[in-house]
Amino acid sequence: MKSYKVSIIGCGNIGLSLLQGFLKCKTIHAKNLIATRRNIKELAYLKDQGIKLTTNNISAVKGS
């Protein structure tokens, strides 16, 4: 199976739903997910799950 890397730009309600769906269905491994948001403190719990967090949209896209 091919391994994809996905960046969720502006991870609000819809982005969080996508991330949760990817993790629940095991479609994409947490280490291959990147979430961006202006205030990543609100997403700190995602880091514990192995999801990369950043405020930089450009680096997130380059990393996926």
PDB file of N, CA and C in Angstrom:
ATOM      1  N   MET A   1       0.831  -1.168   0.000  1.00  0.00           N
ATOM      2  CA  MET A   1       0.000   0.000   0.000  1.00  0.00           C
ATOM      3  C   MET A   1       0.885   1.244   0.000  1.00  0.00           C
ATOM      4  N   LYS A   2       0.489   2.245  -0.780  1.00  0.00           N
ATOM      5  CA  LYS A   2       1.256   3.470  -0.885  1.00  0.00           C
ATOM      6  C   LYS A   2       1.090   4.316   0.378  1.00  0.00           C
ATOM      7  N   SER A   3       2.168   4.936   0.804  1.00  0.00           N
ATOM      8  CA  SER A   3       2.154   5.775   1.993  1.00  0.00           C
ATOM      9  C   SER A   3       1.997   7.237   1.569  1.00  0.00           C
ATOM     10  N   TYR A   4       0.972   7.892   2.065  1.00  0.00           N
ATOM     11  CA  TYR A   4       0.718   9.290   1.753  1.00  0.00           C
ATOM     12  C   TYR A   4       1.062  10.160   2.944  1.00  0.00           C
ATOM     13  N   LYS A   5       1.445  11.410   2.649  1.00  0.00           N
ATOM     14  CA  LYS A   5       1.630  12.424   3.677  1.00  0.00           C
ATOM     15  C   LYS A   5       0.597  13.508   3.399  1.00  0.00           C
ATOM     16  N   VAL A   6      -0.111  13.914   4.446  1.00  0.00           N
ATOM     17  CA  VAL A   6      -1.197  14.876   4.288  1.00  0.00           C
ATOM     18  C   VAL A   6      -1.012  16.036   5.254  1.00  0.00           C
ATOM     19  N   SER A   7      -1.206  17.247   4.728  1.00  0.00           N
ATOM     20  CA  SER A   7      -1.203  18.450   5.561  1.00  0.00           C
ATOM     21  C   SER A   7      -2.610  19.013   5.602  1.00  0.00           C
ATOM     22  N   ILE A   8      -3.077  19.324   6.790  1.00  0.00           N
ATOM     23  CA  ILE A   8      -4.365  19.978   6.971  1.00  0.00           C
ATOM     24  C   ILE A   8      -4.055  21.437   7.301  1.00  0.00           C
ATOM     25  N   ILE A   9      -4.364  22.329   6.360  1.00  0.00           N
ATOM     26  CA  ILE A   9      -4.068  23.748   6.525  1.00  0.00           C
ATOM     27  C   ILE A   9      -5.247  24.418   7.229  1.00  0.00           C
ATOM     28  N   GLY A  10      -4.963  25.106   8.316  1.00  0.00           N
ATOM     29  CA  GLY A  10      -6.023  25.749   9.080  1.00  0.00           C
ATOM     30  C   GLY A  10      -6.890  24.715   9.767  1.00  0.00           C
ATOM     31  N   CYS A  11      -6.318  23.995  10.668  1.00  0.00           N
ATOM     32  CA  CYS A  11      -6.976  22.841  11.289  1.00  0.00           C
ATOM     33  C   CYS A  11      -8.011  23.286  12.322  1.00  0.00           C
ATOM     34  N   GLY A  12      -9.201  23.591  11.820  1.00  0.00           N
ATOM     35  CA  GLY A  12     -10.332  23.933  12.687  1.00  0.00           C
ATOM     36  C   GLY A  12     -11.238  22.724  12.821  1.00  0.00           C
ATOM     37  N   ASN A  13     -12.534  22.957  12.862  1.00  0.00           N
ATOM     38  CA  ASN A  13     -13.491  21.864  13.044  1.00  0.00           C
ATOM     39  C   ASN A  13     -13.444  20.840  11.912  1.00  0.00           C
ATOM     40  N   ILE A  14     -13.425  21.317  10.683  1.00  0.00           N
ATOM     41  CA  ILE A  14     -13.402  20.392   9.543  1.00  0.00           C
ATOM     42  C   ILE A  14     -12.073  19.648   9.487  1.00  0.00           C
ATOM     43  N   GLY A  15     -10.977  20.364   9.692  1.00  0.00           N
ATOM     44  CA  GLY A  15      -9.668  19.726   9.686  1.00  0.00           C
ATOM     45  C   GLY A  15      -9.532  18.666  10.763  1.00  0.00           C
ATOM     46  N   LEU A  16     -10.044  18.965  11.945  1.00  0.00           N
ATOM     47  CA  LEU A  16     -10.000  17.985  13.035  1.00  0.00           C
ATOM     48  C   LEU A  16     -10.825  16.750  12.695  1.00  0.00           C
ATOM     49  N   SER A  17     -11.960  16.957  12.050  1.00  0.00           N
ATOM     50  CA  SER A  17     -12.784  15.816  11.632  1.00  0.00           C
ATOM     51  C   SER A  17     -12.040  14.947  10.633  1.00  0.00           C
ATOM     52  N   LEU A  18     -11.337  15.576   9.703  1.00  0.00           N
ATOM     53  CA  LEU A  18     -10.539  14.815   8.737  1.00  0.00           C
ATOM     54  C   LEU A  18      -9.441  14.023   9.438  1.00  0.00           C
ATOM     55  N   LEU A  19      -8.716  14.679  10.336  1.00  0.00           N
ATOM     56  CA  LEU A  19      -7.643  13.996  11.064  1.00  0.00           C
ATOM     57  C   LEU A  19      -8.172  12.804  11.849  1.00  0.00           C
ATOM     58  N   GLN A  20      -9.272  13.012  12.547  1.00  0.00           N
ATOM     59  CA  GLN A  20      -9.854  11.925  13.335  1.00  0.00           C
ATOM     60  C   GLN A  20     -10.298  10.778  12.442  1.00  0.00           C
ATOM     61  N   GLY A  21     -10.837  11.109  11.272  1.00  0.00           N
ATOM     62  CA  GLY A  21     -11.246  10.072  10.331  1.00  0.00           C
ATOM     63  C   GLY A  21     -10.065   9.278   9.811  1.00  0.00           C
ATOM     64  N   PHE A  22      -8.977   9.972   9.464  1.00  0.00           N
ATOM     65  CA  PHE A  22      -7.771   9.283   8.990  1.00  0.00           C
ATOM     66  C   PHE A  22      -7.245   8.327  10.052  1.00  0.00           C
ATOM     67  N   LEU A  23      -7.214   8.787  11.300  1.00  0.00           N
ATOM     68  CA  LEU A  23      -6.690   7.960  12.387  1.00  0.00           C
ATOM     69  C   LEU A  23      -7.612   6.787  12.703  1.00  0.00           C
ATOM     70  N   LYS A  24      -8.901   7.052  12.732  1.00  0.00           N
ATOM     71  CA  LYS A  24      -9.862   6.002  13.070  1.00  0.00           C
ATOM     72  C   LYS A  24      -9.870   4.889  12.027  1.00  0.00           C
ATOM     73  N   CYS A  25      -9.821   5.273  10.754  1.00  0.00           N
ATOM     74  CA  CYS A  25      -9.855   4.281   9.669  1.00  0.00           C
ATOM     75  C   CYS A  25      -8.476   3.713   9.357  1.00  0.00           C
ATOM     76  N   LYS A  26      -7.452   4.277  10.014  1.00  0.00           N
ATOM     77  CA  LYS A  26      -6.069   3.868   9.769  1.00  0.00           C
ATOM     78  C   LYS A  26      -5.692   4.014   8.298  1.00  0.00           C
ATOM     79  N   THR A  27      -6.263   5.041   7.661  1.00  0.00           N
ATOM     80  CA  THR A  27      -5.972   5.346   6.268  1.00  0.00           C
ATOM     81  C   THR A  27      -4.569   5.914   6.128  1.00  0.00           C
ATOM     82  N   ILE A  28      -4.225   6.818   7.030  1.00  0.00           N
ATOM     83  CA  ILE A  28      -2.916   7.475   7.023  1.00  0.00           C
ATOM     84  C   ILE A  28      -2.379   7.430   8.445  1.00  0.00           C
ATOM     85  N   HIS A  29      -1.148   7.000   8.582  1.00  0.00           N
ATOM     86  CA  HIS A  29      -0.514   6.903   9.901  1.00  0.00           C
ATOM     87  C   HIS A  29      -0.280   8.308  10.454  1.00  0.00           C
ATOM     88  N   ALA A  30      -0.403   8.460  11.761  1.00  0.00           N
ATOM     89  CA  ALA A  30      -0.257   9.759  12.427  1.00  0.00           C
ATOM     90  C   ALA A  30       1.062  10.437  12.089  1.00  0.00           C
ATOM     91  N   LYS A  31       2.133   9.669  11.922  1.00  0.00           N
ATOM     92  CA  LYS A  31       3.435  10.286  11.622  1.00  0.00           C
ATOM     93  C   LYS A  31       3.454  10.929  10.239  1.00  0.00           C
ATOM     94  N   ASN A  32       2.462  10.633   9.405  1.00  0.00           N
ATOM     95  CA  ASN A  32       2.373  11.204   8.061  1.00  0.00           C
ATOM     96  C   ASN A  32       1.347  12.329   7.968  1.00  0.00           C
ATOM     97  N   LEU A  33       0.899  12.825   9.114  1.00  0.00           N
ATOM     98  CA  LEU A  33      -0.071  13.914   9.149  1.00  0.00           C
ATOM     99  C   LEU A  33       0.566  15.169   9.724  1.00  0.00           C
ATOM    100  N   ILE A  34       0.250  16.303   9.104  1.00  0.00           N
ATOM    101  CA  ILE A  34       0.720  17.602   9.576  1.00  0.00           C
ATOM    102  C   ILE A  34      -0.503  18.506   9.692  1.00  0.00           C
ATOM    103  N   ALA A  35      -0.645  19.186  10.818  1.00  0.00           N
ATOM    104  CA  ALA A  35      -1.754  20.111  11.033  1.00  0.00           C
ATOM    105  C   ALA A  35      -1.204  21.508  11.271  1.00  0.00           C
ATOM    106  N   THR A  36      -1.822  22.501  10.619  1.00  0.00           N
ATOM    107  CA  THR A  36      -1.419  23.883  10.851  1.00  0.00           C
ATOM    108  C   THR A  36      -2.582  24.661  11.447  1.00  0.00           C
ATOM    109  N   ARG A  37      -2.198  25.639  12.243  1.00  0.00           N
ATOM    110  CA  ARG A  37      -3.179  26.533  12.857  1.00  0.00           C
ATOM    111  C   ARG A  37      -2.408  27.711  13.432  1.00  0.00           C
ATOM    112  N   ARG A  38      -3.025  28.871  13.483  1.00  0.00           N
ATOM    113  CA  ARG A  38      -2.341  30.038  14.052  1.00  0.00           C
ATOM    114  C   ARG A  38      -1.928  29.807  15.494  1.00  0.00           C
ATOM    115  N   ASN A  39      -2.823  29.190  16.261  1.00  0.00           N
ATOM    116  CA  ASN A  39      -2.538  28.908  17.670  1.00  0.00           C
ATOM    117  C   ASN A  39      -2.514  27.388  17.867  1.00  0.00           C
ATOM    118  N   ILE A  40      -1.325  26.806  17.793  1.00  0.00           N
ATOM    119  CA  ILE A  40      -1.234  25.343  17.880  1.00  0.00           C
ATOM    120  C   ILE A  40      -1.337  24.833  19.315  1.00  0.00           C
ATOM    121  N   LYS A  41      -1.369  25.737  20.287  1.00  0.00           N
ATOM    122  CA  LYS A  41      -1.543  25.294  21.680  1.00  0.00           C
ATOM    123  C   LYS A  41      -2.858  24.542  21.847  1.00  0.00           C
ATOM    124  N   GLU A  42      -3.870  24.936  21.069  1.00  0.00           N
ATOM    125  CA  GLU A  42      -5.172  24.274  21.146  1.00  0.00           C
ATOM    126  C   GLU A  42      -5.128  22.853  20.581  1.00  0.00           C
ATOM    127  N   LEU A  43      -4.088  22.552  19.811  1.00  0.00           N
ATOM    128  CA  LEU A  43      -3.954  21.232  19.185  1.00  0.00           C
ATOM    129  C   LEU A  43      -2.873  20.384  19.845  1.00  0.00           C
ATOM    130  N   ALA A  44      -2.365  20.825  20.988  1.00  0.00           N
ATOM    131  CA  ALA A  44      -1.239  20.140  21.634  1.00  0.00           C
ATOM    132  C   ALA A  44      -1.505  18.657  21.863  1.00  0.00           C
ATOM    133  N   TYR A  45      -2.746  18.296  22.132  1.00  0.00           N
ATOM    134  CA  TYR A  45      -3.070  16.883  22.372  1.00  0.00           C
ATOM    135  C   TYR A  45      -2.829  16.020  21.135  1.00  0.00           C
ATOM    136  N   LEU A  46      -2.854  16.626  19.945  1.00  0.00           N
ATOM    137  CA  LEU A  46      -2.596  15.867  18.717  1.00  0.00           C
ATOM    138  C   LEU A  46      -1.129  15.449  18.622  1.00  0.00           C
ATOM    139  N   LYS A  47      -0.257  16.271  19.172  1.00  0.00           N
ATOM    140  CA  LYS A  47       1.170  15.956  19.147  1.00  0.00           C
ATOM    141  C   LYS A  47       1.445  14.659  19.901  1.00  0.00           C
ATOM    142  N   ASP A  48       0.700  14.421  20.967  1.00  0.00           N
ATOM    143  CA  ASP A  48       0.843  13.181  21.736  1.00  0.00           C
ATOM    144  C   ASP A  48       0.458  11.952  20.914  1.00  0.00           C
ATOM    145  N   GLN A  49      -0.356  12.167  19.884  1.00  0.00           N
ATOM    146  CA  GLN A  49      -0.774  11.075  19.008  1.00  0.00           C
ATOM    147  C   GLN A  49       0.194  10.876  17.845  1.00  0.00           C
ATOM    148  N   GLY A  50       1.203  11.747  17.751  1.00  0.00           N
ATOM    149  CA  GLY A  50       2.211  11.602  16.709  1.00  0.00           C
ATOM    150  C   GLY A  50       2.015  12.493  15.503  1.00  0.00           C
ATOM    151  N   ILE A  51       1.032  13.380  15.558  1.00  0.00           N
ATOM    152  CA  ILE A  51       0.764  14.296  14.453  1.00  0.00           C
ATOM    153  C   ILE A  51       1.683  15.503  14.590  1.00  0.00           C
ATOM    154  N   LYS A  52       2.296  15.915  13.483  1.00  0.00           N
ATOM    155  CA  LYS A  52       3.172  17.084  13.500  1.00  0.00           C
ATOM    156  C   LYS A  52       2.319  18.348  13.482  1.00  0.00           C
ATOM    157  N   LEU A  53       2.705  19.335  14.282  1.00  0.00           N
ATOM    158  CA  LEU A  53       1.987  20.603  14.372  1.00  0.00           C
ATOM    159  C   LEU A  53       2.901  21.746  13.985  1.00  0.00           C
ATOM    160  N   THR A  54       2.343  22.730  13.286  1.00  0.00           N
ATOM    161  CA  THR A  54       3.119  23.901  12.904  1.00  0.00           C
ATOM    162  C   THR A  54       2.187  25.081  12.665  1.00  0.00           C
ATOM    163  N   THR A  55       2.755  26.273  12.697  1.00  0.00           N
ATOM    164  CA  THR A  55       2.006  27.471  12.327  1.00  0.00           C
ATOM    165  C   THR A  55       2.372  27.905  10.913  1.00  0.00           C
ATOM    166  N   ASN A  56       3.323  27.224  10.308  1.00  0.00           N
ATOM    167  CA  ASN A  56       3.835  27.593   8.992  1.00  0.00           C
ATOM    168  C   ASN A  56       3.204  26.732   7.896  1.00  0.00           C
ATOM    169  N   ASN A  57       2.268  27.320   7.146  1.00  0.00           N
ATOM    170  CA  ASN A  57       1.582  26.585   6.085  1.00  0.00           C
ATOM    171  C   ASN A  57       2.525  26.134   4.975  1.00  0.00           C
ATOM    172  N   ILE A  58       3.487  26.965   4.638  1.00  0.00           N
ATOM    173  CA  ILE A  58       4.410  26.637   3.546  1.00  0.00           C
ATOM    174  C   ILE A  58       5.248  25.416   3.893  1.00  0.00           C
ATOM    175  N   SER A  59       5.799  25.376   5.097  1.00  0.00           N
ATOM    176  CA  SER A  59       6.607  24.213   5.476  1.00  0.00           C
ATOM    177  C   SER A  59       5.744  22.963   5.575  1.00  0.00           C
ATOM    178  N   ALA A  60       4.490  23.120   5.973  1.00  0.00           N
ATOM    179  CA  ALA A  60       3.585  21.966   6.055  1.00  0.00           C
ATOM    180  C   ALA A  60       3.343  21.373   4.674  1.00  0.00           C
ATOM    181  N   VAL A  61       3.122  22.233   3.698  1.00  0.00           N
ATOM    182  CA  VAL A  61       2.877  21.756   2.335  1.00  0.00           C
ATOM    183  C   VAL A  61       4.134  21.116   1.760  1.00  0.00           C
ATOM    184  N   LYS A  62       5.279  21.714   2.011  1.00  0.00           N
ATOM    185  CA  LYS A  62       6.533  21.127   1.517  1.00  0.00           C
ATOM    186  C   LYS A  62       6.805  19.781   2.166  1.00  0.00           C
ATOM    187  N   GLY A  63       6.331  19.593   3.393  1.00  0.00           N
ATOM    188  CA  GLY A  63       6.565  18.347   4.109  1.00  0.00           C
ATOM    189  C   GLY A  63       5.595  17.239   3.766  1.00  0.00           C
ATOM    190  N   SER A  64       4.599  17.563   2.951  1.00  0.00           N
ATOM    191  CA  SER A  64       3.612  16.529   2.619  1.00  0.00           C
ATOM    192  C   SER A  64       3.699  16.108   1.170  1.00  0.00           C
TER     193      SER A  64
END
